[in-house]
């Protein structure tokens, strides 16, 4: 990289504060007929499925599984 002229850097505090408003929010898009409370409850249980896959892959020493 080559800079031929002087560069000025400044923080955009308005943009920073706008971005901070959405921190911690997640969105879910689904085609199910479950209520939003049921979808959230099911999503919170996802870690158990992921943990099971991690354990089975580690213990069985199987290669990565790619599916479409």
N, C-alpha and C. Protein backbone atom coordinates (compact mmCIF):
# COMPACT_ATOMS: atom_id res chain seq x y z
N UNK A 1 0.85 -1.16 0.00
CA UNK A 1 0.00 0.00 0.00
C UNK A 1 0.90 1.23 0.00
N UNK A 2 0.48 2.21 -0.74
CA UNK A 2 1.25 3.44 -0.81
C UNK A 2 0.28 4.61 -0.64
N UNK A 3 0.57 5.47 0.31
CA UNK A 3 -0.24 6.66 0.54
C UNK A 3 0.53 7.87 0.04
N UNK A 4 -0.09 8.62 -0.86
CA UNK A 4 0.58 9.77 -1.43
C UNK A 4 0.25 11.07 -0.72
N UNK A 5 -0.79 11.04 0.08
CA UNK A 5 -1.16 12.28 0.76
C UNK A 5 -1.48 11.98 2.22
N UNK A 6 -1.79 13.00 2.95
CA UNK A 6 -2.07 12.87 4.37
C UNK A 6 -3.45 12.23 4.58
N UNK A 7 -3.55 11.37 5.58
CA UNK A 7 -4.79 10.67 5.86
C UNK A 7 -5.30 11.11 7.23
N UNK A 8 -6.60 11.41 7.28
CA UNK A 8 -7.23 11.80 8.54
C UNK A 8 -8.23 10.71 8.94
N UNK A 9 -8.13 10.29 10.19
CA UNK A 9 -9.03 9.26 10.70
C UNK A 9 -9.84 9.85 11.85
N UNK A 10 -11.15 9.59 11.82
CA UNK A 10 -12.02 10.09 12.89
C UNK A 10 -13.10 9.07 13.16
N UNK A 11 -13.52 8.98 14.39
CA UNK A 11 -14.60 8.06 14.78
C UNK A 11 -15.94 8.71 14.49
N UNK A 12 -16.85 7.91 13.95
CA UNK A 12 -18.21 8.36 13.69
C UNK A 12 -19.08 7.87 14.85
N UNK A 13 -19.21 8.69 15.89
CA UNK A 13 -19.92 8.28 17.09
C UNK A 13 -21.41 8.07 16.85
N UNK A 14 -22.00 8.77 15.91
CA UNK A 14 -23.41 8.55 15.59
C UNK A 14 -23.62 7.13 15.04
N UNK A 15 -22.76 6.72 14.13
CA UNK A 15 -22.84 5.37 13.57
C UNK A 15 -22.57 4.33 14.66
N UNK A 16 -21.61 4.59 15.50
CA UNK A 16 -21.27 3.68 16.61
C UNK A 16 -22.47 3.49 17.53
N UNK A 17 -23.14 4.56 17.90
CA UNK A 17 -24.30 4.47 18.79
C UNK A 17 -25.49 3.79 18.11
N UNK A 18 -25.67 4.01 16.80
CA UNK A 18 -26.74 3.33 16.07
C UNK A 18 -26.49 1.82 16.02
N UNK A 19 -25.25 1.42 15.78
CA UNK A 19 -24.91 0.00 15.73
C UNK A 19 -25.10 -0.66 17.09
N UNK A 20 -24.84 0.05 18.15
CA UNK A 20 -24.94 -0.52 19.50
C UNK A 20 -26.38 -0.86 19.88
N UNK A 21 -27.35 -0.24 19.23
CA UNK A 21 -28.76 -0.51 19.56
C UNK A 21 -29.16 -1.94 19.25
N UNK A 22 -28.52 -2.56 18.27
CA UNK A 22 -28.89 -3.91 17.86
C UNK A 22 -28.04 -5.00 18.49
N UNK A 23 -27.08 -4.66 19.32
CA UNK A 23 -26.22 -5.68 19.92
C UNK A 23 -27.03 -6.63 20.78
N UNK A 24 -26.78 -7.91 20.61
CA UNK A 24 -27.46 -8.92 21.40
C UNK A 24 -28.77 -9.40 20.82
N UNK A 25 -29.21 -8.82 19.72
CA UNK A 25 -30.48 -9.23 19.11
C UNK A 25 -30.22 -10.30 18.05
N UNK A 26 -31.11 -11.28 17.97
CA UNK A 26 -31.02 -12.31 16.95
C UNK A 26 -32.36 -12.38 16.24
N UNK A 27 -32.33 -12.83 15.03
CA UNK A 27 -33.56 -13.03 14.27
C UNK A 27 -33.65 -14.45 13.77
N UNK A 28 -34.85 -14.97 13.72
CA UNK A 28 -35.10 -16.32 13.21
C UNK A 28 -36.14 -16.23 12.11
N UNK A 29 -35.87 -16.90 11.01
CA UNK A 29 -36.81 -16.99 9.91
C UNK A 29 -37.14 -18.46 9.72
N UNK A 30 -38.42 -18.80 9.76
CA UNK A 30 -38.83 -20.19 9.68
C UNK A 30 -40.11 -20.32 8.88
N UNK A 31 -40.34 -21.53 8.39
CA UNK A 31 -41.56 -21.78 7.65
C UNK A 31 -42.52 -22.69 8.44
N UNK A 32 -42.30 -22.82 9.73
CA UNK A 32 -43.12 -23.68 10.57
C UNK A 32 -44.39 -22.96 11.03
N UNK A 33 -45.33 -23.74 11.51
CA UNK A 33 -46.57 -23.16 12.04
C UNK A 33 -46.52 -23.05 13.55
N UNK A 34 -45.37 -23.30 14.14
CA UNK A 34 -45.22 -23.17 15.58
C UNK A 34 -45.33 -21.70 15.99
N UNK A 35 -45.72 -21.48 17.23
CA UNK A 35 -45.75 -20.11 17.73
C UNK A 35 -44.32 -19.61 17.94
N UNK A 36 -44.17 -18.31 18.07
CA UNK A 36 -42.82 -17.77 18.25
C UNK A 36 -42.20 -18.26 19.55
N UNK A 37 -43.01 -18.49 20.58
CA UNK A 37 -42.49 -19.00 21.85
C UNK A 37 -41.97 -20.43 21.68
N UNK A 38 -42.69 -21.25 20.89
CA UNK A 38 -42.25 -22.63 20.66
C UNK A 38 -40.97 -22.67 19.82
N UNK A 39 -40.87 -21.78 18.84
CA UNK A 39 -39.66 -21.72 18.01
C UNK A 39 -38.47 -21.35 18.87
N UNK A 40 -38.63 -20.37 19.73
CA UNK A 40 -37.53 -19.95 20.60
C UNK A 40 -37.14 -21.07 21.56
N UNK A 41 -38.13 -21.77 22.10
CA UNK A 41 -37.84 -22.88 23.02
C UNK A 41 -37.07 -23.99 22.30
N UNK A 42 -37.44 -24.30 21.07
CA UNK A 42 -36.73 -25.32 20.31
C UNK A 42 -35.32 -24.87 19.96
N UNK A 43 -35.16 -23.60 19.63
CA UNK A 43 -33.84 -23.07 19.28
C UNK A 43 -32.89 -23.15 20.48
N UNK A 44 -33.43 -22.93 21.67
CA UNK A 44 -32.60 -22.98 22.88
C UNK A 44 -32.08 -24.39 23.15
N UNK A 45 -32.74 -25.40 22.60
CA UNK A 45 -32.32 -26.79 22.80
C UNK A 45 -31.31 -27.25 21.74
N UNK A 46 -31.00 -26.40 20.77
CA UNK A 46 -30.11 -26.76 19.68
C UNK A 46 -28.72 -27.17 20.16
N UNK A 47 -28.27 -26.60 21.25
CA UNK A 47 -26.93 -26.91 21.76
C UNK A 47 -26.80 -28.40 22.07
N UNK A 48 -27.89 -29.05 22.49
CA UNK A 48 -27.81 -30.48 22.82
C UNK A 48 -27.54 -31.31 21.56
N UNK A 49 -28.16 -30.95 20.46
CA UNK A 49 -27.93 -31.65 19.20
C UNK A 49 -26.49 -31.44 18.75
N UNK A 50 -26.01 -30.21 18.82
CA UNK A 50 -24.64 -29.90 18.40
C UNK A 50 -23.63 -30.63 19.28
N UNK A 51 -23.89 -30.70 20.58
CA UNK A 51 -23.00 -31.40 21.49
C UNK A 51 -22.94 -32.88 21.15
N UNK A 52 -24.09 -33.48 20.83
CA UNK A 52 -24.13 -34.90 20.46
C UNK A 52 -23.30 -35.16 19.22
N UNK A 53 -23.40 -34.30 18.21
CA UNK A 53 -22.60 -34.48 17.00
C UNK A 53 -21.11 -34.34 17.31
N UNK A 54 -20.74 -33.38 18.15
CA UNK A 54 -19.33 -33.21 18.50
C UNK A 54 -18.80 -34.46 19.20
N UNK A 55 -19.56 -34.99 20.13
CA UNK A 55 -19.13 -36.17 20.87
C UNK A 55 -19.00 -37.37 19.93
N UNK A 56 -20.00 -37.56 19.07
CA UNK A 56 -19.95 -38.72 18.19
C UNK A 56 -18.81 -38.61 17.18
N UNK A 57 -18.55 -37.44 16.68
CA UNK A 57 -17.44 -37.28 15.74
C UNK A 57 -16.10 -37.51 16.43
N UNK A 58 -15.97 -37.06 17.66
CA UNK A 58 -14.71 -37.23 18.38
C UNK A 58 -14.49 -38.69 18.74
N UNK A 59 -15.51 -39.33 19.28
CA UNK A 59 -15.37 -40.71 19.74
C UNK A 59 -15.24 -41.70 18.58
N UNK A 60 -15.96 -41.45 17.50
CA UNK A 60 -15.92 -42.37 16.37
C UNK A 60 -14.80 -42.06 15.40
N UNK A 61 -14.21 -40.90 15.54
CA UNK A 61 -13.14 -40.43 14.65
C UNK A 61 -13.55 -40.53 13.18
N UNK A 62 -14.73 -39.96 12.89
CA UNK A 62 -15.22 -39.95 11.51
C UNK A 62 -14.82 -38.64 10.86
N UNK A 63 -14.65 -38.63 9.56
CA UNK A 63 -14.29 -37.38 8.88
C UNK A 63 -15.48 -36.43 8.87
N UNK A 64 -15.27 -35.18 8.51
CA UNK A 64 -16.36 -34.21 8.45
C UNK A 64 -17.47 -34.69 7.53
N UNK A 65 -18.69 -34.36 7.88
CA UNK A 65 -19.86 -34.76 7.11
C UNK A 65 -20.44 -33.52 6.46
N UNK A 66 -20.50 -33.52 5.14
CA UNK A 66 -21.06 -32.40 4.40
C UNK A 66 -22.36 -32.87 3.76
N UNK A 67 -23.42 -32.11 3.94
CA UNK A 67 -24.69 -32.49 3.35
C UNK A 67 -25.36 -31.27 2.77
N UNK A 68 -26.26 -31.48 1.85
CA UNK A 68 -26.97 -30.40 1.20
C UNK A 68 -28.45 -30.63 1.28
